[in-house]
């Protein structure tokens, strides 16, 4: 089927790009019952054919446009460099194909918002591939927060990053490919905080360091959700950040063992615990595959239900996060643009 799924458990997947993240997610897609690896595309036909043979795709294409126009797909995963995400996702939506877009959806909030509006107008499912929200530890985290055991949340803290030698040709240092720390690692702590508080912060404050080509290399953010509720977040390509997070409430706190996008452990410290020197609850749930299986299963559930938006990772959240990243990039003086020429 080329529109929303109805009455079937089979989902024919297409993948746009053949890089490392495409390989990792493709292997996890193959672990999901009812998923079929149907088509993969690259700008290099030979690379696409080799990727298809390695991962078990039924067919390969030498251009992204060719895959989209060939049809016969129930969902497409966009795994290209950041700057190409939106134009490829829009092409899928215009063809009536549900799409899972690697984070960030777009390099700008305007592009992200435009894709969301197009998807709603066409009635086609779109979701950002923020896999963290679907992992078992994060699911349990939301349940703990909803229980009220730590009271009213007052602050969130978290960071994520690693040291990457400067190379202006590397996608993470290349502004033409949507490089920089905020769009790659920064999206995770911002989404972490947004998922806790919901909606959009009232103010965004950011300081940081730019690389010699103007790409954001490091950033520290202070977000104000009003009423004294704040988030202190960090992102870097210059150092190995711990990646841990803390959610502090009026009756306790939750410590999230890093890295934020795939936490190995949660510790809940709540009032009334039997011992002050031990957490009241410890959560360490395993993931299936590399951790993307849970996200893909959720996409299958959404499509089977005929949804055009995920209730866990709605496009309104993606837009809210994109607006924070926009404001932070503006404060740092770093400019990013989406690549409108990617559909080849």
C-alpha atoms as a PDB file:
ATOM      1  CA  UNK A   1       0.000   0.000   0.000  1.00  0.00           C
ATOM      2  CA  UNK A   2       1.262   3.504  -0.753  1.00  0.00           C
ATOM      3  CA  UNK A   3      -0.953   5.422   1.668  1.00  0.00           C
ATOM      4  CA  UNK A   4      -1.876   4.625   5.264  1.00  0.00           C
ATOM      5  CA  UNK A   5      -2.016   0.977   6.252  1.00  0.00           C
ATOM      6  CA  UNK A   6      -5.397  -0.619   6.777  1.00  0.00           C
ATOM      7  CA  UNK A   7      -5.997  -4.206   7.745  1.00  0.00           C
ATOM      8  CA  UNK A   8      -2.436  -5.452   7.234  1.00  0.00           C
ATOM      9  CA  UNK A   9       0.533  -6.196   9.435  1.00  0.00           C
ATOM     10  CA  UNK A  10       3.080  -5.980   6.608  1.00  0.00           C
ATOM     11  CA  UNK A  11       5.034  -2.764   6.212  1.00  0.00           C
ATOM     12  CA  UNK A  12       7.225  -2.415   3.132  1.00  0.00           C
ATOM     13  CA  UNK A  13      10.122  -0.146   4.080  1.00  0.00           C
ATOM     14  CA  UNK A  14      12.268   2.047   1.893  1.00  0.00           C
ATOM     15  CA  UNK A  15      15.479   3.658   3.109  1.00  0.00           C
ATOM     16  CA  UNK A  16      16.997   6.821   1.649  1.00  0.00           C
ATOM     17  CA  UNK A  17      20.818   6.762   2.056  1.00  0.00           C
ATOM     18  CA  UNK A  18      23.365   4.060   2.779  1.00  0.00           C
ATOM     19  CA  UNK A  19      25.513   5.473   5.578  1.00  0.00           C
ATOM     20  CA  UNK A  20      26.183   4.033   9.021  1.00  0.00           C
ATOM     21  CA  UNK A  21      22.881   5.120  10.583  1.00  0.00           C
ATOM     22  CA  UNK A  22      20.968   3.701   7.616  1.00  0.00           C
ATOM     23  CA  UNK A  23      22.748   0.373   8.150  1.00  0.00           C
ATOM     24  CA  UNK A  24      22.086   0.310  11.896  1.00  0.00           C
ATOM     25  CA  UNK A  25      18.394   1.156  11.588  1.00  0.00           C
ATOM     26  CA  UNK A  26      17.916  -1.243   8.652  1.00  0.00           C
ATOM     27  CA  UNK A  27      19.227  -4.094  10.787  1.00  0.00           C
ATOM     28  CA  UNK A  28      16.712  -3.180  13.494  1.00  0.00           C
ATOM     29  CA  UNK A  29      13.849  -2.829  11.003  1.00  0.00           C
ATOM     30  CA  UNK A  30      14.577  -6.415   9.958  1.00  0.00           C
ATOM     31  CA  UNK A  31      13.944  -7.543  13.561  1.00  0.00           C
ATOM     32  CA  UNK A  32      10.392  -6.135  13.657  1.00  0.00           C
ATOM     33  CA  UNK A  33       7.614  -8.633  12.842  1.00  0.00           C
ATOM     34  CA  UNK A  34       5.846  -7.686   9.617  1.00  0.00           C
ATOM     35  CA  UNK A  35       8.603  -5.377   8.382  1.00  0.00           C
ATOM     36  CA  UNK A  36       9.956  -5.936   4.884  1.00  0.00           C
ATOM     37  CA  UNK A  37      13.154  -4.326   3.628  1.00  0.00           C
ATOM     38  CA  UNK A  38      11.863  -3.443   0.179  1.00  0.00           C
ATOM     39  CA  UNK A  39      13.968  -0.670  -1.345  1.00  0.00           C
ATOM     40  CA  UNK A  40      17.087   1.384  -0.669  1.00  0.00           C
ATOM     41  CA  UNK A  41      18.482   4.359  -2.581  1.00  0.00           C
ATOM     42  CA  UNK A  42      21.783   6.170  -2.903  1.00  0.00           C
ATOM     43  CA  UNK A  43      23.157   8.744  -5.309  1.00  0.00           C
ATOM     44  CA  UNK A  44      25.612   5.994  -6.233  1.00  0.00           C
ATOM     45  CA  UNK A  45      23.815   3.044  -7.865  1.00  0.00           C
ATOM     46  CA  UNK A  46      26.664   0.662  -7.082  1.00  0.00           C
ATOM     47  CA  UNK A  47      26.650   1.641  -3.423  1.00  0.00           C
ATOM     48  CA  UNK A  48      22.882   1.158  -3.267  1.00  0.00           C
ATOM     49  CA  UNK A  49      23.129  -2.287  -4.866  1.00  0.00           C
ATOM     50  CA  UNK A  50      25.851  -3.362  -2.443  1.00  0.00           C
ATOM     51  CA  UNK A  51      23.849  -2.081   0.535  1.00  0.00           C
ATOM     52  CA  UNK A  52      20.744  -3.942  -0.689  1.00  0.00           C
ATOM     53  CA  UNK A  53      22.684  -7.177  -1.031  1.00  0.00           C
ATOM     54  CA  UNK A  54      24.261  -6.833   2.412  1.00  0.00           C
ATOM     55  CA  UNK A  55      21.057  -6.022   4.275  1.00  0.00           C
ATOM     56  CA  UNK A  56      18.495  -7.999   2.282  1.00  0.00           C
ATOM     57  CA  UNK A  57      16.565  -5.286   0.451  1.00  0.00           C
ATOM     58  CA  UNK A  58      14.474  -6.508  -2.462  1.00  0.00           C
ATOM     59  CA  UNK A  59      15.597  -3.706  -4.777  1.00  0.00           C
ATOM     60  CA  UNK A  60      17.951  -0.741  -5.009  1.00  0.00           C
ATOM     61  CA  UNK A  61      17.854   2.629  -6.756  1.00  0.00           C
ATOM     62  CA  UNK A  62      20.554   4.971  -7.986  1.00  0.00           C
ATOM     63  CA  UNK A  63      18.668   8.121  -6.970  1.00  0.00           C
ATOM     64  CA  UNK A  64      16.376   9.201  -4.160  1.00  0.00           C
ATOM     65  CA  UNK A  65      13.769  10.443  -6.626  1.00  0.00           C
ATOM     66  CA  UNK A  66      13.670   7.056  -8.306  1.00  0.00           C
ATOM     67  CA  UNK A  67      12.855   5.272  -5.047  1.00  0.00           C
ATOM     68  CA  UNK A  68      10.069   7.692  -4.173  1.00  0.00           C
ATOM     69  CA  UNK A  69       8.528   7.568  -7.652  1.00  0.00           C
ATOM     70  CA  UNK A  70       8.778   3.765  -7.940  1.00  0.00           C
ATOM     71  CA  UNK A  71       6.106   3.331  -5.246  1.00  0.00           C
ATOM     72  CA  UNK A  72       5.269   0.010  -3.672  1.00  0.00           C
ATOM     73  CA  UNK A  73       6.242   1.246  -0.190  1.00  0.00           C
ATOM     74  CA  UNK A  74       4.320   1.689   3.047  1.00  0.00           C
ATOM     75  CA  UNK A  75       6.991   3.725   4.859  1.00  0.00           C
ATOM     76  CA  UNK A  76      10.285   5.438   4.103  1.00  0.00           C
ATOM     77  CA  UNK A  77      13.126   6.156   6.500  1.00  0.00           C
ATOM     78  CA  UNK A  78      15.191   9.253   5.602  1.00  0.00           C
ATOM     79  CA  UNK A  79      18.792   8.720   6.745  1.00  0.00           C
ATOM     80  CA  UNK A  80      20.713  11.324   4.736  1.00  0.00           C
ATOM     81  CA  UNK A  81      22.828  14.175   6.193  1.00  0.00           C
ATOM     82  CA  UNK A  82      20.758  16.736   8.106  1.00  0.00           C
ATOM     83  CA  UNK A  83      20.404  19.353   5.392  1.00  0.00           C
ATOM     84  CA  UNK A  84      18.687  16.889   3.037  1.00  0.00           C
ATOM     85  CA  UNK A  85      16.032  15.628   5.441  1.00  0.00           C
ATOM     86  CA  UNK A  86      13.186  18.020   4.751  1.00  0.00           C
ATOM     87  CA  UNK A  87      13.229  18.035   0.957  1.00  0.00           C
ATOM     88  CA  UNK A  88      13.265  14.230   0.849  1.00  0.00           C
ATOM     89  CA  UNK A  89      10.570  13.927   3.493  1.00  0.00           C
ATOM     90  CA  UNK A  90       8.393  16.398   1.574  1.00  0.00           C
ATOM     91  CA  UNK A  91       8.804  14.311  -1.566  1.00  0.00           C
ATOM     92  CA  UNK A  92       7.607  11.241   0.315  1.00  0.00           C
ATOM     93  CA  UNK A  93       4.598  13.078   1.737  1.00  0.00           C
ATOM     94  CA  UNK A  94       3.681  14.442  -1.688  1.00  0.00           C
ATOM     95  CA  UNK A  95       3.815  10.865  -3.002  1.00  0.00           C
ATOM     96  CA  UNK A  96       1.535   9.733  -0.153  1.00  0.00           C
ATOM     97  CA  UNK A  97       4.217   7.661   1.566  1.00  0.00           C
ATOM     98  CA  UNK A  98       4.464   7.763   5.395  1.00  0.00           C
ATOM     99  CA  UNK A  99       7.912   8.871   6.458  1.00  0.00           C
ATOM    100  CA  UNK A 100      10.236   8.488   9.432  1.00  0.00           C
ATOM    101  CA  UNK A 101      12.784  11.312   9.350  1.00  0.00           C
ATOM    102  CA  UNK A 102      16.165  11.019  11.035  1.00  0.00           C
ATOM    103  CA  UNK A 103      16.739  13.752  13.604  1.00  0.00           C
ATOM    104  CA  UNK A 104      16.684  16.664  13.267  1.00  0.00           C
ATOM    105  CA  UNK A 105      13.713  16.896  10.910  1.00  0.00           C
ATOM    106  CA  UNK A 106      15.115  20.080   9.412  1.00  0.00           C
ATOM    107  CA  UNK A 107      17.969  22.516   9.859  1.00  0.00           C
ATOM    108  CA  UNK A 108      15.474  25.283  10.624  1.00  0.00           C
ATOM    109  CA  UNK A 109      12.222  25.538  12.508  1.00  0.00           C
ATOM    110  CA  UNK A 110      10.529  27.016   9.431  1.00  0.00           C
ATOM    111  CA  UNK A 111      11.357  23.936   7.353  1.00  0.00           C
ATOM    112  CA  UNK A 112      10.246  21.602  10.141  1.00  0.00           C
ATOM    113  CA  UNK A 113       6.992  23.488  10.568  1.00  0.00           C
ATOM    114  CA  UNK A 114       6.378  23.484   6.820  1.00  0.00           C
ATOM    115  CA  UNK A 115       6.771  19.705   6.627  1.00  0.00           C
ATOM    116  CA  UNK A 116       4.374  19.213   9.538  1.00  0.00           C
ATOM    117  CA  UNK A 117       1.773  21.441   7.875  1.00  0.00           C
ATOM    118  CA  UNK A 118       2.128  19.621   4.542  1.00  0.00           C
ATOM    119  CA  UNK A 119       1.748  16.218   6.213  1.00  0.00           C
ATOM    120  CA  UNK A 120      -1.422  17.280   8.024  1.00  0.00           C
ATOM    121  CA  UNK A 121      -2.818  18.801   4.838  1.00  0.00           C
ATOM    122  CA  UNK A 122      -2.159  15.595   2.869  1.00  0.00           C
ATOM    123  CA  UNK A 123      -3.109  13.256   5.705  1.00  0.00           C
ATOM    124  CA  UNK A 124       0.236  11.432   5.576  1.00  0.00           C
ATOM    125  CA  UNK A 125       2.110  10.165   8.637  1.00  0.00           C
ATOM    126  CA  UNK A 126       5.404  11.902   9.492  1.00  0.00           C
ATOM    127  CA  UNK A 127       7.536  11.388  12.586  1.00  0.00           C
ATOM    128  CA  UNK A 128      11.004  12.443  13.692  1.00  0.00           C
ATOM    129  CA  UNK A 129      13.224   9.424  14.417  1.00  0.00           C
ATOM    130  CA  UNK A 130      13.881  10.459  18.012  1.00  0.00           C
ATOM    131  CA  UNK A 131      14.455   6.852  19.051  1.00  0.00           C
ATOM    132  CA  UNK A 132      15.212   7.744  22.670  1.00  0.00           C
ATOM    133  CA  UNK A 133      11.545   8.331  23.469  1.00  0.00           C
ATOM    134  CA  UNK A 134      10.630   4.753  22.606  1.00  0.00           C
ATOM    135  CA  UNK A 135      13.258   2.877  24.558  1.00  0.00           C
ATOM    136  CA  UNK A 136      11.948   0.999  27.606  1.00  0.00           C
ATOM    137  CA  UNK A 137      13.837   3.121  30.145  1.00  0.00           C
ATOM    138  CA  UNK A 138      12.385   6.307  28.667  1.00  0.00           C
ATOM    139  CA  UNK A 139       8.891   4.806  28.621  1.00  0.00           C
ATOM    140  CA  UNK A 140       9.268   3.975  32.311  1.00  0.00           C
ATOM    141  CA  UNK A 141      10.608   7.481  32.948  1.00  0.00           C
ATOM    142  CA  UNK A 142       7.378   8.986  31.598  1.00  0.00           C
ATOM    143  CA  UNK A 143       5.347   6.650  33.813  1.00  0.00           C
ATOM    144  CA  UNK A 144       7.319   7.708  36.892  1.00  0.00           C
ATOM    145  CA  UNK A 145       6.838  11.387  36.098  1.00  0.00           C
ATOM    146  CA  UNK A 146       3.103  10.868  35.563  1.00  0.00           C
ATOM    147  CA  UNK A 147       2.806   9.134  38.935  1.00  0.00           C
ATOM    148  CA  UNK A 148       3.829  12.333  40.715  1.00  0.00           C
ATOM    149  CA  UNK A 149       6.276  10.498  42.971  1.00  0.00           C
ATOM    150  CA  UNK A 150       8.903  13.276  42.598  1.00  0.00           C
ATOM    151  CA  UNK A 151       6.297  16.026  42.788  1.00  0.00           C
ATOM    152  CA  UNK A 152       6.282  19.057  40.512  1.00  0.00           C
ATOM    153  CA  UNK A 153       9.289  19.125  38.210  1.00  0.00           C
ATOM    154  CA  UNK A 154      11.329  22.276  38.756  1.00  0.00           C
ATOM    155  CA  UNK A 155      14.473  21.667  36.720  1.00  0.00           C
ATOM    156  CA  UNK A 156      16.015  19.430  34.089  1.00  0.00           C
ATOM    157  CA  UNK A 157      19.716  19.091  33.367  1.00  0.00           C
ATOM    158  CA  UNK A 158      21.514  17.112  30.695  1.00  0.00           C
ATOM    159  CA  UNK A 159      24.306  17.162  28.171  1.00  0.00           C
ATOM    160  CA  UNK A 160      25.620  15.104  25.286  1.00  0.00           C
ATOM    161  CA  UNK A 161      28.720  15.286  23.134  1.00  0.00           C
ATOM    162  CA  UNK A 162      32.045  13.870  22.074  1.00  0.00           C
ATOM    163  CA  UNK A 163      35.409  15.097  20.846  1.00  0.00           C
ATOM    164  CA  UNK A 164      35.591  15.084  17.039  1.00  0.00           C
ATOM    165  CA  UNK A 165      38.778  16.354  15.338  1.00  0.00           C
ATOM    166  CA  UNK A 166      38.059  19.360  13.168  1.00  0.00           C
ATOM    167  CA  UNK A 167      37.662  18.459   9.496  1.00  0.00           C
ATOM    168  CA  UNK A 168      35.628  20.919   7.413  1.00  0.00           C
ATOM    169  CA  UNK A 169      34.766  18.127   4.959  1.00  0.00           C
ATOM    170  CA  UNK A 170      33.191  15.930   7.656  1.00  0.00           C
ATOM    171  CA  UNK A 171      29.389  16.152   7.723  1.00  0.00           C
ATOM    172  CA  UNK A 172      29.380  17.290  11.369  1.00  0.00           C
ATOM    173  CA  UNK A 173      31.730  20.180  10.620  1.00  0.00           C
ATOM    174  CA  UNK A 174      30.306  21.085   7.196  1.00  0.00           C
ATOM    175  CA  UNK A 175      27.611  23.811   7.292  1.00  0.00           C
ATOM    176  CA  UNK A 176      26.332  22.728   3.865  1.00  0.00           C
ATOM    177  CA  UNK A 177      25.414  19.344   5.340  1.00  0.00           C
ATOM    178  CA  UNK A 178      23.818  20.769   8.481  1.00  0.00           C
ATOM    179  CA  UNK A 179      26.936  20.303  10.591  1.00  0.00           C
ATOM    180  CA  UNK A 180      27.490  21.530  14.122  1.00  0.00           C
ATOM    181  CA  UNK A 181      26.845  20.153  17.573  1.00  0.00           C
ATOM    182  CA  UNK A 182      23.351  21.510  18.200  1.00  0.00           C
ATOM    183  CA  UNK A 183      21.642  19.790  15.274  1.00  0.00           C
ATOM    184  CA  UNK A 184      23.415  16.502  15.937  1.00  0.00           C
ATOM    185  CA  UNK A 185      23.916  15.960  19.672  1.00  0.00           C
ATOM    186  CA  UNK A 186      22.105  19.033  21.019  1.00  0.00           C
ATOM    187  CA  UNK A 187      18.737  17.837  19.761  1.00  0.00           C
ATOM    188  CA  UNK A 188      18.780  15.037  22.358  1.00  0.00           C
ATOM    189  CA  UNK A 189      19.075  17.078  25.583  1.00  0.00           C
ATOM    190  CA  UNK A 190      16.677  19.696  24.192  1.00  0.00           C
ATOM    191  CA  UNK A 191      14.141  16.994  23.322  1.00  0.00           C
ATOM    192  CA  UNK A 192      14.733  15.417  26.739  1.00  0.00           C
ATOM    193  CA  UNK A 193      13.769  18.654  28.487  1.00  0.00           C
ATOM    194  CA  UNK A 194      10.896  19.373  26.098  1.00  0.00           C
ATOM    195  CA  UNK A 195       9.516  15.897  26.703  1.00  0.00           C
ATOM    196  CA  UNK A 196       9.472  16.563  30.456  1.00  0.00           C
ATOM    197  CA  UNK A 197       7.987  20.071  30.425  1.00  0.00           C
ATOM    198  CA  UNK A 198       6.006  19.933  27.183  1.00  0.00           C
ATOM    199  CA  UNK A 199       5.262  22.862  24.927  1.00  0.00           C
ATOM    200  CA  UNK A 200       7.889  25.547  24.330  1.00  0.00           C
ATOM    201  CA  UNK A 201      10.127  27.479  26.707  1.00  0.00           C
ATOM    202  CA  UNK A 202       9.435  31.175  27.211  1.00  0.00           C
ATOM    203  CA  UNK A 203      13.088  32.118  26.755  1.00  0.00           C
ATOM    204  CA  UNK A 204      16.246  30.565  25.334  1.00  0.00           C
ATOM    205  CA  UNK A 205      19.711  31.706  26.428  1.00  0.00           C
ATOM    206  CA  UNK A 206      22.798  30.255  24.765  1.00  0.00           C
ATOM    207  CA  UNK A 207      26.553  30.718  24.818  1.00  0.00           C
ATOM    208  CA  UNK A 208      29.135  28.679  22.999  1.00  0.00           C
ATOM    209  CA  UNK A 209      32.077  28.305  20.667  1.00  0.00           C
ATOM    210  CA  UNK A 210      32.150  28.430  16.867  1.00  0.00           C
ATOM    211  CA  UNK A 211      34.609  26.567  14.676  1.00  0.00           C
ATOM    212  CA  UNK A 212      36.728  28.572  12.237  1.00  0.00           C
ATOM    213  CA  UNK A 213      34.168  27.971   9.462  1.00  0.00           C
ATOM    214  CA  UNK A 214      31.308  29.286  11.623  1.00  0.00           C
ATOM    215  CA  UNK A 215      29.814  25.935  12.634  1.00  0.00           C
ATOM    216  CA  UNK A 216      28.721  25.634  16.262  1.00  0.00           C
ATOM    217  CA  UNK A 217      31.286  23.466  18.060  1.00  0.00           C
ATOM    218  CA  UNK A 218      29.999  23.771  21.621  1.00  0.00           C
ATOM    219  CA  UNK A 219      26.913  25.233  23.271  1.00  0.00           C
ATOM    220  CA  UNK A 220      25.459  25.700  26.740  1.00  0.00           C
ATOM    221  CA  UNK A 221      21.746  26.461  26.966  1.00  0.00           C
ATOM    222  CA  UNK A 222      19.498  27.790  29.700  1.00  0.00           C
ATOM    223  CA  UNK A 223      15.807  27.372  28.884  1.00  0.00           C
ATOM    224  CA  UNK A 224      13.041  29.054  30.880  1.00  0.00           C
ATOM    225  CA  UNK A 225       9.613  27.409  30.905  1.00  0.00           C
ATOM    226  CA  UNK A 226       8.209  30.016  33.282  1.00  0.00           C
ATOM    227  CA  UNK A 227       7.250  29.757  36.916  1.00  0.00           C
ATOM    228  CA  UNK A 228      10.843  29.023  37.852  1.00  0.00           C
ATOM    229  CA  UNK A 229      10.984  25.864  35.722  1.00  0.00           C
ATOM    230  CA  UNK A 230      14.299  25.697  33.901  1.00  0.00           C
ATOM    231  CA  UNK A 231      16.536  23.387  31.891  1.00  0.00           C
ATOM    232  CA  UNK A 232      20.345  23.531  31.829  1.00  0.00           C
ATOM    233  CA  UNK A 233      21.636  21.726  28.747  1.00  0.00           C
ATOM    234  CA  UNK A 234      24.933  21.226  26.975  1.00  0.00           C
ATOM    235  CA  UNK A 235      26.167  19.982  23.610  1.00  0.00           C
ATOM    236  CA  UNK A 236      29.704  19.674  22.250  1.00  0.00           C
ATOM    237  CA  UNK A 237      31.983  18.381  19.528  1.00  0.00           C
ATOM    238  CA  UNK A 238      35.056  19.403  21.535  1.00  0.00           C
ATOM    239  CA  UNK A 239      34.919  17.134  24.593  1.00  0.00           C
ATOM    240  CA  UNK A 240      33.568  13.823  25.816  1.00  0.00           C
ATOM    241  CA  UNK A 241      30.478  14.800  27.794  1.00  0.00           C
ATOM    242  CA  UNK A 242      29.049  12.327  30.266  1.00  0.00           C
ATOM    243  CA  UNK A 243      25.620  12.498  28.706  1.00  0.00           C
ATOM    244  CA  UNK A 244      23.744  12.002  31.979  1.00  0.00           C
ATOM    245  CA  UNK A 245      20.538  13.781  32.953  1.00  0.00           C
ATOM    246  CA  UNK A 246      18.744  14.826  36.133  1.00  0.00           C
ATOM    247  CA  UNK A 247      15.085  15.685  36.644  1.00  0.00           C
ATOM    248  CA  UNK A 248      14.487  17.498  39.935  1.00  0.00           C
ATOM    249  CA  UNK A 249      11.060  17.782  41.527  1.00  0.00           C
ATOM    250  CA  UNK A 250       9.553  19.166  44.716  1.00  0.00           C
ATOM    251  CA  UNK A 251       9.485  15.684  46.283  1.00  0.00           C
ATOM    252  CA  UNK A 252      12.528  14.023  44.756  1.00  0.00           C
ATOM    253  CA  UNK A 253      14.597  13.539  41.643  1.00  0.00           C
ATOM    254  CA  UNK A 254      15.349  11.093  38.832  1.00  0.00           C
ATOM    255  CA  UNK A 255      18.931  10.506  37.768  1.00  0.00           C
ATOM    256  CA  UNK A 256      19.365   9.256  34.210  1.00  0.00           C
ATOM    257  CA  UNK A 257      22.609   7.405  33.497  1.00  0.00           C
ATOM    258  CA  UNK A 258      24.060   8.560  30.220  1.00  0.00           C
ATOM    259  CA  UNK A 259      24.059   8.803  27.384  1.00  0.00           C
ATOM    260  CA  UNK A 260      20.700  10.564  27.238  1.00  0.00           C
ATOM    261  CA  UNK A 261      19.692   9.058  23.901  1.00  0.00           C
ATOM    262  CA  UNK A 262      20.116   5.483  25.178  1.00  0.00           C
ATOM    263  CA  UNK A 263      20.192   5.541  28.987  1.00  0.00           C
ATOM    264  CA  UNK A 264      21.278   2.337  30.691  1.00  0.00           C
ATOM    265  CA  UNK A 265      19.751   3.083  34.083  1.00  0.00           C
ATOM    266  CA  UNK A 266      17.331   5.309  35.992  1.00  0.00           C
ATOM    267  CA  UNK A 267      17.507   6.004  39.719  1.00  0.00           C
ATOM    268  CA  UNK A 268      14.458   7.450  41.434  1.00  0.00           C
ATOM    269  CA  UNK A 269      15.108   9.301  44.691  1.00  0.00           C
ATOM    270  CA  UNK A 270      11.746  10.086  46.261  1.00  0.00           C
ATOM    271  CA  UNK A 271      10.518  11.236  49.654  1.00  0.00           C
ATOM    272  CA  UNK A 272       9.560   8.449  51.997  1.00  0.00           C
ATOM    273  CA  UNK A 273      12.154   5.960  50.759  1.00  0.00           C
ATOM    274  CA  UNK A 274      13.137   3.410  53.385  1.00  0.00           C
ATOM    275  CA  UNK A 275      16.780   4.519  53.258  1.00  0.00           C
ATOM    276  CA  UNK A 276      18.177   7.948  52.466  1.00  0.00           C
ATOM    277  CA  UNK A 277      21.340   6.470  50.965  1.00  0.00           C
ATOM    278  CA  UNK A 278      19.578   4.230  48.425  1.00  0.00           C
ATOM    279  CA  UNK A 279      17.235   5.108  45.536  1.00  0.00           C
ATOM    280  CA  UNK A 280      13.587   4.188  45.975  1.00  0.00           C
ATOM    281  CA  UNK A 281      13.526   2.614  42.522  1.00  0.00           C
ATOM    282  CA  UNK A 282      16.145   1.508  40.026  1.00  0.00           C
ATOM    283  CA  UNK A 283      15.206   0.909  36.379  1.00  0.00           C
ATOM    284  CA  UNK A 284      17.537  -0.886  33.973  1.00  0.00           C
ATOM    285  CA  UNK A 285      15.435  -2.312  31.159  1.00  0.00           C
ATOM    286  CA  UNK A 286      17.083  -3.917  28.119  1.00  0.00           C
ATOM    287  CA  UNK A 287      16.549  -2.806  24.531  1.00  0.00           C
ATOM    288  CA  UNK A 288      15.847  -4.965  21.521  1.00  0.00           C
ATOM    289  CA  UNK A 289      18.473  -4.881  18.784  1.00  0.00           C
ATOM    290  CA  UNK A 290      20.409  -1.642  18.860  1.00  0.00           C
ATOM    291  CA  UNK A 291      17.414   0.151  20.403  1.00  0.00           C
ATOM    292  CA  UNK A 292      15.664   1.333  17.233  1.00  0.00           C
ATOM    293  CA  UNK A 293      13.280  -1.637  17.158  1.00  0.00           C
ATOM    294  CA  UNK A 294      10.955   0.032  19.679  1.00  0.00           C
ATOM    295  CA  UNK A 295      10.646   3.139  17.497  1.00  0.00           C
ATOM    296  CA  UNK A 296       9.923   1.095  14.369  1.00  0.00           C
ATOM    297  CA  UNK A 297       7.308  -0.944  16.226  1.00  0.00           C
ATOM    298  CA  UNK A 298       5.645   2.325  17.254  1.00  0.00           C
ATOM    299  CA  UNK A 299       5.566   3.497  13.632  1.00  0.00           C
ATOM    300  CA  UNK A 300       3.883   0.213  12.656  1.00  0.00           C
ATOM    301  CA  UNK A 301       1.280   0.735  15.387  1.00  0.00           C
ATOM    302  CA  UNK A 302       0.582   4.299  14.237  1.00  0.00           C
ATOM    303  CA  UNK A 303       0.174   3.249  10.612  1.00  0.00           C
ATOM    304  CA  UNK A 304      -2.067   0.294  11.496  1.00  0.00           C
ATOM    305  CA  UNK A 305      -4.264   2.711  13.483  1.00  0.00           C
ATOM    306  CA  UNK A 306      -4.419   5.163  10.571  1.00  0.00           C
ATOM    307  CA  UNK A 307      -2.716   7.947  12.536  1.00  0.00           C
ATOM    308  CA  UNK A 308      -1.023  10.834  10.748  1.00  0.00           C
ATOM    309  CA  UNK A 309       0.988  11.812  13.809  1.00  0.00           C
ATOM    310  CA  UNK A 310       2.587   9.959  16.696  1.00  0.00           C
ATOM    311  CA  UNK A 311       1.098  10.545  20.153  1.00  0.00           C
ATOM    312  CA  UNK A 312       4.576   9.976  21.663  1.00  0.00           C
ATOM    313  CA  UNK A 313       6.686  12.012  19.227  1.00  0.00           C
ATOM    314  CA  UNK A 314       4.229  14.436  17.586  1.00  0.00           C
ATOM    315  CA  UNK A 315       5.433  16.960  15.053  1.00  0.00           C
ATOM    316  CA  UNK A 316       4.389  19.727  17.459  1.00  0.00           C
ATOM    317  CA  UNK A 317       7.224  18.536  19.724  1.00  0.00           C
ATOM    318  CA  UNK A 318       9.648  18.422  16.798  1.00  0.00           C
ATOM    319  CA  UNK A 319       8.732  22.007  15.889  1.00  0.00           C
ATOM    320  CA  UNK A 320       9.109  23.146  19.509  1.00  0.00           C
ATOM    321  CA  UNK A 321      12.601  21.604  19.700  1.00  0.00           C
ATOM    322  CA  UNK A 322      13.532  23.100  16.316  1.00  0.00           C
ATOM    323  CA  UNK A 323      12.513  26.546  17.565  1.00  0.00           C
ATOM    324  CA  UNK A 324      14.839  26.177  20.557  1.00  0.00           C
ATOM    325  CA  UNK A 325      17.704  25.117  18.286  1.00  0.00           C
ATOM    326  CA  UNK A 326      16.974  28.054  15.969  1.00  0.00           C
ATOM    327  CA  UNK A 327      17.121  30.508  18.859  1.00  0.00           C
ATOM    328  CA  UNK A 328      20.348  28.991  20.187  1.00  0.00           C
ATOM    329  CA  UNK A 329      22.001  29.019  16.764  1.00  0.00           C
ATOM    330  CA  UNK A 330      20.961  32.652  16.294  1.00  0.00           C
ATOM    331  CA  UNK A 331      22.459  33.549  19.673  1.00  0.00           C
ATOM    332  CA  UNK A 332      25.736  31.880  18.712  1.00  0.00           C
ATOM    333  CA  UNK A 333      25.791  33.450  15.259  1.00  0.00           C
ATOM    334  CA  UNK A 334      25.735  30.096  13.460  1.00  0.00           C
ATOM    335  CA  UNK A 335      23.526  29.818  10.360  1.00  0.00           C
ATOM    336  CA  UNK A 336      22.069  26.615   8.939  1.00  0.00           C
ATOM    337  CA  UNK A 337      20.030  26.044   5.815  1.00  0.00           C
ATOM    338  CA  UNK A 338      18.235  23.075   4.350  1.00  0.00           C
ATOM    339  CA  UNK A 339      19.431  21.705   1.002  1.00  0.00           C
ATOM    340  CA  UNK A 340      16.676  22.093  -1.573  1.00  0.00           C
ATOM    341  CA  UNK A 341      18.637  20.183  -4.223  1.00  0.00           C
ATOM    342  CA  UNK A 342      18.781  16.819  -2.411  1.00  0.00           C
ATOM    343  CA  UNK A 343      16.155  14.984  -4.477  1.00  0.00           C
ATOM    344  CA  UNK A 344      18.453  13.406  -7.076  1.00  0.00           C
END
